[in-house]
C-alpha atoms as a PDB file:
ATOM      1  CA  MET A   1     -29.481 -11.473   5.780  1.00  0.00           C
ATOM      2  CA  PHE A   2     -27.359 -11.566   8.832  1.00  0.00           C
ATOM      3  CA  ASP A   3     -24.315 -13.822   8.627  1.00  0.00           C
ATOM      4  CA  LEU A   4     -22.889 -14.629  12.172  1.00  0.00           C
ATOM      5  CA  HIS A   5     -19.629 -15.853  10.549  1.00  0.00           C
ATOM      6  CA  THR A   6     -19.078 -12.611   8.688  1.00  0.00           C
ATOM      7  CA  PHE A   7     -19.792 -10.693  11.819  1.00  0.00           C
ATOM      8  CA  LEU A   8     -17.469 -12.695  14.026  1.00  0.00           C
ATOM      9  CA  TYR A   9     -14.474 -12.765  11.604  1.00  0.00           C
ATOM     10  CA  GLY A  10     -15.008  -9.537   9.624  1.00  0.00           C
ATOM     11  CA  VAL A  11     -16.509  -7.142  12.090  1.00  0.00           C
ATOM     12  CA  PHE A  12     -15.997  -8.444  15.625  1.00  0.00           C
ATOM     13  CA  PRO A  13     -11.963  -8.091  15.249  1.00  0.00           C
ATOM     14  CA  TYR A  14     -12.540  -4.445  14.876  1.00  0.00           C
ATOM     15  CA  ILE A  15     -14.878  -3.894  17.750  1.00  0.00           C
ATOM     16  CA  ALA A  16     -12.466  -5.791  19.916  1.00  0.00           C
ATOM     17  CA  THR A  17      -9.618  -3.617  18.699  1.00  0.00           C
ATOM     18  CA  ILE A  18     -11.417  -0.408  19.226  1.00  0.00           C
ATOM     19  CA  VAL A  19     -12.480  -1.389  22.663  1.00  0.00           C
ATOM     20  CA  PHE A  20      -8.969  -2.546  23.365  1.00  0.00           C
ATOM     21  CA  LEU A  21      -7.255   0.689  22.415  1.00  0.00           C
ATOM     22  CA  LEU A  22      -9.927   3.175  23.281  1.00  0.00           C
ATOM     23  CA  GLY A  23     -10.845   1.607  26.689  1.00  0.00           C
ATOM     24  CA  SER A  24      -7.147   1.308  27.661  1.00  0.00           C
ATOM     25  CA  TRP A  25      -6.644   4.928  26.827  1.00  0.00           C
ATOM     26  CA  ILE A  26      -9.853   6.211  28.789  1.00  0.00           C
ATOM     27  CA  ARG A  27      -8.785   3.933  31.808  1.00  0.00           C
ATOM     28  CA  PHE A  28      -5.368   5.366  31.925  1.00  0.00           C
ATOM     29  CA  ASP A  29      -6.586   8.940  31.646  1.00  0.00           C
ATOM     30  CA  HIS A  30      -9.377   8.712  34.222  1.00  0.00           C
ATOM     31  CA  GLU A  31      -8.615   5.826  36.519  1.00  0.00           C
ATOM     32  CA  GLN A  32      -4.715   5.619  37.011  1.00  0.00           C
ATOM     33  CA  TYR A  33      -5.042   4.325  40.526  1.00  0.00           C
ATOM     34  CA  THR A  34      -6.424   1.083  39.154  1.00  0.00           C
ATOM     35  CA  TRP A  35      -3.746   0.895  36.596  1.00  0.00           C
ATOM     36  CA  LYS A  36      -1.782  -1.972  38.259  1.00  0.00           C
ATOM     37  CA  SER A  37      -1.384  -5.593  38.498  1.00  0.00           C
ATOM     38  CA  ASP A  38      -3.042  -6.002  41.851  1.00  0.00           C
ATOM     39  CA  SER A  39      -0.475  -8.489  42.989  1.00  0.00           C
ATOM     40  CA  SER A  40      -1.684 -10.776  45.751  1.00  0.00           C
ATOM     41  CA  GLN A  41       1.736 -12.414  46.496  1.00  0.00           C
ATOM     42  CA  LEU A  42       1.870 -10.697  50.013  1.00  0.00           C
ATOM     43  CA  LEU A  43      -1.382 -12.616  50.959  1.00  0.00           C
ATOM     44  CA  SER A  44      -0.110 -16.054  49.943  1.00  0.00           C
ATOM     45  CA  LYS A  45       3.444 -17.054  48.491  1.00  0.00           C
ATOM     46  CA  GLN A  46       2.975 -20.751  48.398  1.00  0.00           C
ATOM     47  CA  ASN A  47       3.873 -21.924  44.955  1.00  0.00           C
ATOM     48  CA  MET A  48       3.503 -18.458  43.545  1.00  0.00           C
ATOM     49  CA  ARG A  49       6.765 -18.453  41.692  1.00  0.00           C
ATOM     50  CA  LEU A  50       6.069 -21.678  39.972  1.00  0.00           C
ATOM     51  CA  MET A  51       2.388 -20.642  39.004  1.00  0.00           C
ATOM     52  CA  SER A  52       3.369 -17.130  38.070  1.00  0.00           C
ATOM     53  CA  ASN A  53       6.383 -18.042  35.962  1.00  0.00           C
ATOM     54  CA  LEU A  54       4.522 -20.894  34.016  1.00  0.00           C
ATOM     55  CA  PHE A  55       1.637 -18.585  33.232  1.00  0.00           C
ATOM     56  CA  HIS A  56       3.742 -15.445  32.135  1.00  0.00           C
ATOM     57  CA  VAL A  57       6.366 -17.358  30.250  1.00  0.00           C
ATOM     58  CA  GLY A  58       3.534 -19.234  28.459  1.00  0.00           C
ATOM     59  CA  ILE A  59       1.574 -16.112  27.638  1.00  0.00           C
ATOM     60  CA  LEU A  60       4.595 -14.366  26.184  1.00  0.00           C
ATOM     61  CA  GLY A  61       5.658 -17.381  24.187  1.00  0.00           C
ATOM     62  CA  ILE A  62       2.083 -17.685  22.740  1.00  0.00           C
ATOM     63  CA  PHE A  63       1.787 -13.976  21.899  1.00  0.00           C
ATOM     64  CA  PHE A  64       5.147 -13.675  20.140  1.00  0.00           C
ATOM     65  CA  GLY A  65       4.636 -17.091  18.561  1.00  0.00           C
ATOM     66  CA  HIS A  66       1.327 -16.028  17.034  1.00  0.00           C
ATOM     67  CA  VAL A  67       2.891 -12.851  15.589  1.00  0.00           C
ATOM     68  CA  ALA A  68       5.873 -14.580  14.143  1.00  0.00           C
ATOM     69  CA  GLY A  69       3.878 -17.321  12.707  1.00  0.00           C
ATOM     70  CA  MET A  70       0.702 -15.631  11.578  1.00  0.00           C
ATOM     71  CA  VAL A  71       1.426 -12.014  11.250  1.00  0.00           C
ATOM     72  CA  LEU A  72       4.871 -11.954   9.425  1.00  0.00           C
ATOM     73  CA  PRO A  73       4.628 -12.263   5.826  1.00  0.00           C
ATOM     74  CA  HIS A  74       4.797 -15.789   4.602  1.00  0.00           C
ATOM     75  CA  GLY A  75       7.571 -15.053   2.094  1.00  0.00           C
ATOM     76  CA  LEU A  76       9.812 -14.221   5.240  1.00  0.00           C
ATOM     77  CA  TRP A  77       9.802 -17.849   6.321  1.00  0.00           C
ATOM     78  CA  VAL A  78      10.310 -19.236   2.930  1.00  0.00           C
ATOM     79  CA  GLY A  79      13.277 -16.809   2.424  1.00  0.00           C
ATOM     80  CA  LEU A  80      14.753 -18.074   5.582  1.00  0.00           C
ATOM     81  CA  GLY A  81      14.734 -21.758   4.248  1.00  0.00           C
ATOM     82  CA  ILE A  82      11.907 -22.778   6.519  1.00  0.00           C
ATOM     83  CA  SER A  83       9.294 -24.781   4.416  1.00  0.00           C
ATOM     84  CA  ASP A  84       5.782 -24.419   5.103  1.00  0.00           C
ATOM     85  CA  LEU A  85       5.581 -27.887   6.698  1.00  0.00           C
ATOM     86  CA  ALA A  86       8.402 -27.353   8.987  1.00  0.00           C
ATOM     87  CA  HIS A  87       6.866 -24.048   9.814  1.00  0.00           C
ATOM     88  CA  GLN A  88       3.779 -25.876  10.924  1.00  0.00           C
ATOM     89  CA  TRP A  89       5.622 -28.453  13.066  1.00  0.00           C
ATOM     90  CA  ILE A  90       7.423 -25.672  14.805  1.00  0.00           C
ATOM     91  CA  ALA A  91       4.159 -24.020  15.533  1.00  0.00           C
ATOM     92  CA  ILE A  92       2.578 -27.315  16.763  1.00  0.00           C
ATOM     93  CA  LEU A  93       5.607 -27.969  19.248  1.00  0.00           C
ATOM     94  CA  ALA A  94       5.712 -24.261  20.428  1.00  0.00           C
ATOM     95  CA  GLY A  95       1.975 -24.377  20.914  1.00  0.00           C
ATOM     96  CA  LEU A  96       2.144 -27.517  22.999  1.00  0.00           C
ATOM     97  CA  ALA A  97       4.895 -26.081  25.186  1.00  0.00           C
ATOM     98  CA  PHE A  98       3.757 -22.514  25.805  1.00  0.00           C
ATOM     99  CA  GLY A  99      -0.104 -23.329  25.655  1.00  0.00           C
ATOM    100  CA  GLY A 100       0.636 -26.242  28.216  1.00  0.00           C
ATOM    101  CA  ALA A 101       2.356 -23.691  30.487  1.00  0.00           C
ATOM    102  CA  VAL A 102      -0.506 -21.230  30.334  1.00  0.00           C
ATOM    103  CA  VAL A 103      -3.018 -23.978  31.031  1.00  0.00           C
ATOM    104  CA  ALA A 104      -0.998 -25.378  33.968  1.00  0.00           C
ATOM    105  CA  GLY A 105       0.036 -22.113  35.375  1.00  0.00           C
ATOM    106  CA  GLY A 106      -3.303 -20.266  34.777  1.00  0.00           C
ATOM    107  CA  ALA A 107      -5.286 -23.126  36.302  1.00  0.00           C
ATOM    108  CA  MET A 108      -3.293 -22.999  39.573  1.00  0.00           C
ATOM    109  CA  LEU A 109      -3.665 -19.345  39.837  1.00  0.00           C
ATOM    110  CA  TRP A 110      -7.327 -19.486  39.158  1.00  0.00           C
ATOM    111  CA  GLN A 111      -7.744 -22.169  41.859  1.00  0.00           C
ATOM    112  CA  ARG A 112      -5.766 -19.969  44.241  1.00  0.00           C
ATOM    113  CA  ARG A 113      -7.949 -17.073  43.687  1.00  0.00           C
ATOM    114  CA  MET A 114     -11.143 -19.162  44.061  1.00  0.00           C
ATOM    115  CA  PHE A 115     -10.248 -21.041  47.058  1.00  0.00           C
ATOM    116  CA  ASN A 116      -7.560 -19.092  49.101  1.00  0.00           C
ATOM    117  CA  LYS A 117      -9.703 -17.051  51.400  1.00  0.00           C
ATOM    118  CA  ARG A 118      -7.410 -14.205  51.788  1.00  0.00           C
ATOM    119  CA  VAL A 119      -6.743 -13.937  48.154  1.00  0.00           C
ATOM    120  CA  ARG A 120     -10.461 -14.441  47.202  1.00  0.00           C
ATOM    121  CA  ALA A 121     -11.242 -11.561  49.566  1.00  0.00           C
ATOM    122  CA  ALA A 122      -8.846  -9.212  47.827  1.00  0.00           C
ATOM    123  CA  SER A 123      -9.904 -10.240  44.181  1.00  0.00           C
ATOM    124  CA  ARG A 124     -12.510  -8.649  41.980  1.00  0.00           C
ATOM    125  CA  TRP A 125     -14.750 -10.738  39.817  1.00  0.00           C
ATOM    126  CA  MET A 126     -13.079  -9.643  36.638  1.00  0.00           C
ATOM    127  CA  ASP A 127      -9.477 -10.989  38.050  1.00  0.00           C
ATOM    128  CA  ILE A 128     -11.090 -14.439  38.378  1.00  0.00           C
ATOM    129  CA  ASN A 129     -12.956 -14.309  35.089  1.00  0.00           C
ATOM    130  CA  ILE A 130     -10.244 -13.179  33.051  1.00  0.00           C
ATOM    131  CA  LEU A 131      -7.919 -15.901  34.321  1.00  0.00           C
ATOM    132  CA  GLY A 132     -10.622 -18.479  33.302  1.00  0.00           C
ATOM    133  CA  TRP A 133     -11.108 -17.027  29.975  1.00  0.00           C
ATOM    134  CA  LEU A 134      -7.364 -17.158  29.256  1.00  0.00           C
ATOM    135  CA  VAL A 135      -7.102 -20.715  30.447  1.00  0.00           C
ATOM    136  CA  ILE A 136     -10.221 -21.655  28.266  1.00  0.00           C
ATOM    137  CA  THR A 137      -8.648 -19.820  25.341  1.00  0.00           C
ATOM    138  CA  ALA A 138      -5.306 -21.732  25.774  1.00  0.00           C
ATOM    139  CA  CYS A 139      -7.261 -25.136  25.983  1.00  0.00           C
ATOM    140  CA  PHE A 140      -9.062 -24.561  22.809  1.00  0.00           C
ATOM    141  CA  GLY A 141      -5.548 -23.783  21.283  1.00  0.00           C
ATOM    142  CA  LEU A 142      -4.305 -27.033  22.507  1.00  0.00           C
ATOM    143  CA  LEU A 143      -7.292 -28.885  21.149  1.00  0.00           C
ATOM    144  CA  THR A 144      -6.239 -27.567  17.608  1.00  0.00           C
ATOM    145  CA  VAL A 145      -2.985 -29.381  17.915  1.00  0.00           C
ATOM    146  CA  PRO A 146      -4.419 -32.958  17.008  1.00  0.00           C
ATOM    147  CA  PHE A 147      -5.995 -31.456  14.057  1.00  0.00           C
ATOM    148  CA  SER A 148      -2.862 -29.569  13.039  1.00  0.00           C
ATOM    149  CA  ILE A 149      -0.856 -32.777  13.435  1.00  0.00           C
ATOM    150  CA  GLY A 150      -3.273 -34.600  11.260  1.00  0.00           C
ATOM    151  CA  HIS A 151      -2.820 -32.033   8.517  1.00  0.00           C
ATOM    152  CA  ALA A 152       0.947 -31.917   8.944  1.00  0.00           C
ATOM    153  CA  VAL A 153       1.169 -35.769   8.778  1.00  0.00           C
ATOM    154  CA  LYS A 154      -0.644 -35.636   5.442  1.00  0.00           C
ATOM    155  CA  GLY A 155       1.532 -32.774   4.185  1.00  0.00           C
ATOM    156  CA  ASP A 156      -1.448 -30.194   4.458  1.00  0.00           C
ATOM    157  CA  VAL A 157      -0.543 -26.728   5.464  1.00  0.00           C
ATOM    158  CA  SER A 158      -3.498 -24.986   3.944  1.00  0.00           C
ATOM    159  CA  THR A 159      -5.349 -24.238   7.286  1.00  0.00           C
ATOM    160  CA  MET A 160      -2.294 -22.595   8.536  1.00  0.00           C
ATOM    161  CA  LEU A 161      -1.756 -20.538   5.576  1.00  0.00           C
ATOM    162  CA  VAL A 162      -5.315 -19.247   5.321  1.00  0.00           C
ATOM    163  CA  LEU A 163      -5.374 -18.259   8.855  1.00  0.00           C
ATOM    164  CA  GLY A 164      -2.317 -16.304   8.220  1.00  0.00           C
ATOM    165  CA  GLU A 165      -3.980 -14.633   5.305  1.00  0.00           C
ATOM    166  CA  TRP A 166      -7.028 -14.006   7.211  1.00  0.00           C
ATOM    167  CA  ILE A 167      -5.234 -12.291  10.109  1.00  0.00           C
ATOM    168  CA  ARG A 168      -3.094 -10.130   7.706  1.00  0.00           C
ATOM    169  CA  SER A 169      -6.283  -9.108   5.861  1.00  0.00           C
ATOM    170  CA  ILE A 170      -7.649  -7.865   9.072  1.00  0.00           C
ATOM    171  CA  LEU A 171      -4.596  -5.897  10.011  1.00  0.00           C
ATOM    172  CA  ILE A 172      -4.597  -4.068   6.599  1.00  0.00           C
ATOM    173  CA  LEU A 173      -8.257  -3.190   6.959  1.00  0.00           C
ATOM    174  CA  GLN A 174      -9.300  -5.350   4.077  1.00  0.00           C
ATOM    175  CA  PRO A 175     -11.158  -8.221   6.050  1.00  0.00           C
ATOM    176  CA  GLU A 176     -11.747 -11.556   4.221  1.00  0.00           C
ATOM    177  CA  PRO A 177     -13.723 -13.701   6.549  1.00  0.00           C
ATOM    178  CA  GLU A 178     -14.541 -16.078   3.702  1.00  0.00           C
ATOM    179  CA  LEU A 179     -10.925 -17.329   3.963  1.00  0.00           C
ATOM    180  CA  ILE A 180     -11.699 -19.285   7.207  1.00  0.00           C
ATOM    181  CA  ARG A 181     -15.147 -20.126   6.697  1.00  0.00           C
ATOM    182  CA  ASN A 182     -14.367 -23.859   5.855  1.00  0.00           C
ATOM    183  CA  VAL A 183     -11.647 -24.444   8.507  1.00  0.00           C
ATOM    184  CA  ASP A 184     -12.424 -26.741  11.483  1.00  0.00           C
ATOM    185  CA  THR A 185     -14.722 -25.318  13.960  1.00  0.00           C
ATOM    186  CA  VAL A 186     -12.136 -25.737  16.853  1.00  0.00           C
ATOM    187  CA  TYR A 187      -9.755 -23.252  15.174  1.00  0.00           C
ATOM    188  CA  LYS A 188     -12.531 -20.745  14.738  1.00  0.00           C
ATOM    189  CA  VAL A 189     -13.679 -20.980  18.422  1.00  0.00           C
ATOM    190  CA  HIS A 190      -9.999 -20.521  19.598  1.00  0.00           C
ATOM    191  CA  VAL A 191      -9.756 -17.339  17.367  1.00  0.00           C
ATOM    192  CA  PHE A 192     -12.951 -16.053  18.914  1.00  0.00           C
ATOM    193  CA  PHE A 193     -11.901 -16.749  22.522  1.00  0.00           C
ATOM    194  CA  GLY A 194      -8.631 -14.957  21.605  1.00  0.00           C
ATOM    195  CA  MET A 195     -10.149 -11.863  20.102  1.00  0.00           C
ATOM    196  CA  SER A 196     -12.380 -11.641  23.123  1.00  0.00           C
ATOM    197  CA  VAL A 197      -9.450 -11.343  25.349  1.00  0.00           C
ATOM    198  CA  PHE A 198      -8.703  -7.832  23.624  1.00  0.00           C
ATOM    199  CA  LEU A 199     -12.434  -6.969  24.187  1.00  0.00           C
ATOM    200  CA  PHE A 200     -12.114  -7.502  28.074  1.00  0.00           C
ATOM    201  CA  PHE A 201      -8.491  -6.266  28.265  1.00  0.00           C
ATOM    202  CA  PRO A 202      -9.275  -2.617  29.314  1.00  0.00           C
ATOM    203  CA  PHE A 203     -11.514  -3.797  32.233  1.00  0.00           C
ATOM    204  CA  THR A 204      -9.156  -6.035  33.847  1.00  0.00           C
ATOM    205  CA  ARG A 205      -5.690  -6.132  35.636  1.00  0.00           C
ATOM    206  CA  LEU A 206      -4.121  -6.990  32.124  1.00  0.00           C
ATOM    207  CA  VAL A 207      -3.666  -3.269  31.550  1.00  0.00           C
ATOM    208  CA  HIS A 208      -0.432  -3.411  33.438  1.00  0.00           C
ATOM    209  CA  VAL A 209       1.019  -4.952  30.263  1.00  0.00           C
ATOM    210  CA  TRP A 210       1.179  -1.527  28.688  1.00  0.00           C
ATOM    211  CA  SER A 211       3.403  -0.528  31.580  1.00  0.00           C
ATOM    212  CA  ALA A 212       5.878  -3.361  31.454  1.00  0.00           C
ATOM    213  CA  PRO A 213       9.240  -2.122  32.842  1.00  0.00           C
ATOM    214  CA  VAL A 214      11.101  -2.688  29.519  1.00  0.00           C
ATOM    215  CA  PRO A 215      13.574   0.260  30.190  1.00  0.00           C
ATOM    216  CA  TYR A 216      14.646  -1.329  33.267  1.00  0.00           C
ATOM    217  CA  LEU A 217      16.608  -3.921  31.218  1.00  0.00           C
ATOM    218  CA  PHE A 218      18.481  -1.150  29.531  1.00  0.00           C
ATOM    219  CA  ARG A 219      19.177   1.209  32.451  1.00  0.00           C
ATOM    220  CA  ALA A 220      22.611   1.976  33.896  1.00  0.00           C
ATOM    221  CA  TYR A 221      23.633  -0.130  36.787  1.00  0.00           C
ATOM    222  CA  GLN A 222      23.101   1.092  40.235  1.00  0.00           C
ATOM    223  CA  VAL A 223      25.859   0.971  42.744  1.00  0.00           C
ATOM    224  CA  VAL A 224      24.673   0.133  46.145  1.00  0.00           C
ATOM    225  CA  ARG A 225      26.949   0.218  49.117  1.00  0.00           C
ATOM    226  CA  THR A 226      26.329  -0.967  52.652  1.00  0.00           C
ATOM    227  CA  LYS A 227      26.710   1.692  55.363  1.00  0.00           C
ATOM    228  CA  ARG A 228      29.693   1.059  57.475  1.00  0.00           C
ATOM    229  CA  ARG A 229      29.272   1.145  61.253  1.00  0.00           C
ATOM    230  CA  LEU A 230      31.598   3.477  62.922  1.00  0.00           C
END
């Protein structure tokens, strides 16, 4: 008999990953002219710095926060002297800060793409949809916070631990969807929306993440001199 839970949390992660990697490769190989961020700043600069910085700082914080909190081995945190309960409170506070930044910045960017006529005319439907999807994903992440606080107040860190175990089981190709069958539904909905971002990734402007100019931070200084008038 078909089990939706097993499919969503035991099979779907691999479907999303395959589409994410293979789709990105095919798009880079066949559609390099679309491999860009499609910046619309030239069309409208009003409040763009605030909106963009909130959104990007929030996204980066959430991504690396999830990697540090859920992917790294549990023993590493214990070895650093951080108890499970302290770990959970760190995750709660970081989630509030970075998740709030994504919701605030992303909502403003979405509103700009929807209602600024110049920006809307230059936007593809997926530009608008992926922004909305990311904001909704972050909203569900924020909705988990009251549940996490309730658990932390009681000293219960089991949900955080089983979510981490489940993610690591996916990464080592030994999926254990049963680990999270009984966690609160809001966590599972947040996880589903988060996995779906990877499914949509190759078909959106998010592909520019692959080309992040990291080497720029480490390149040699350029000396630029003004030309003197004779």
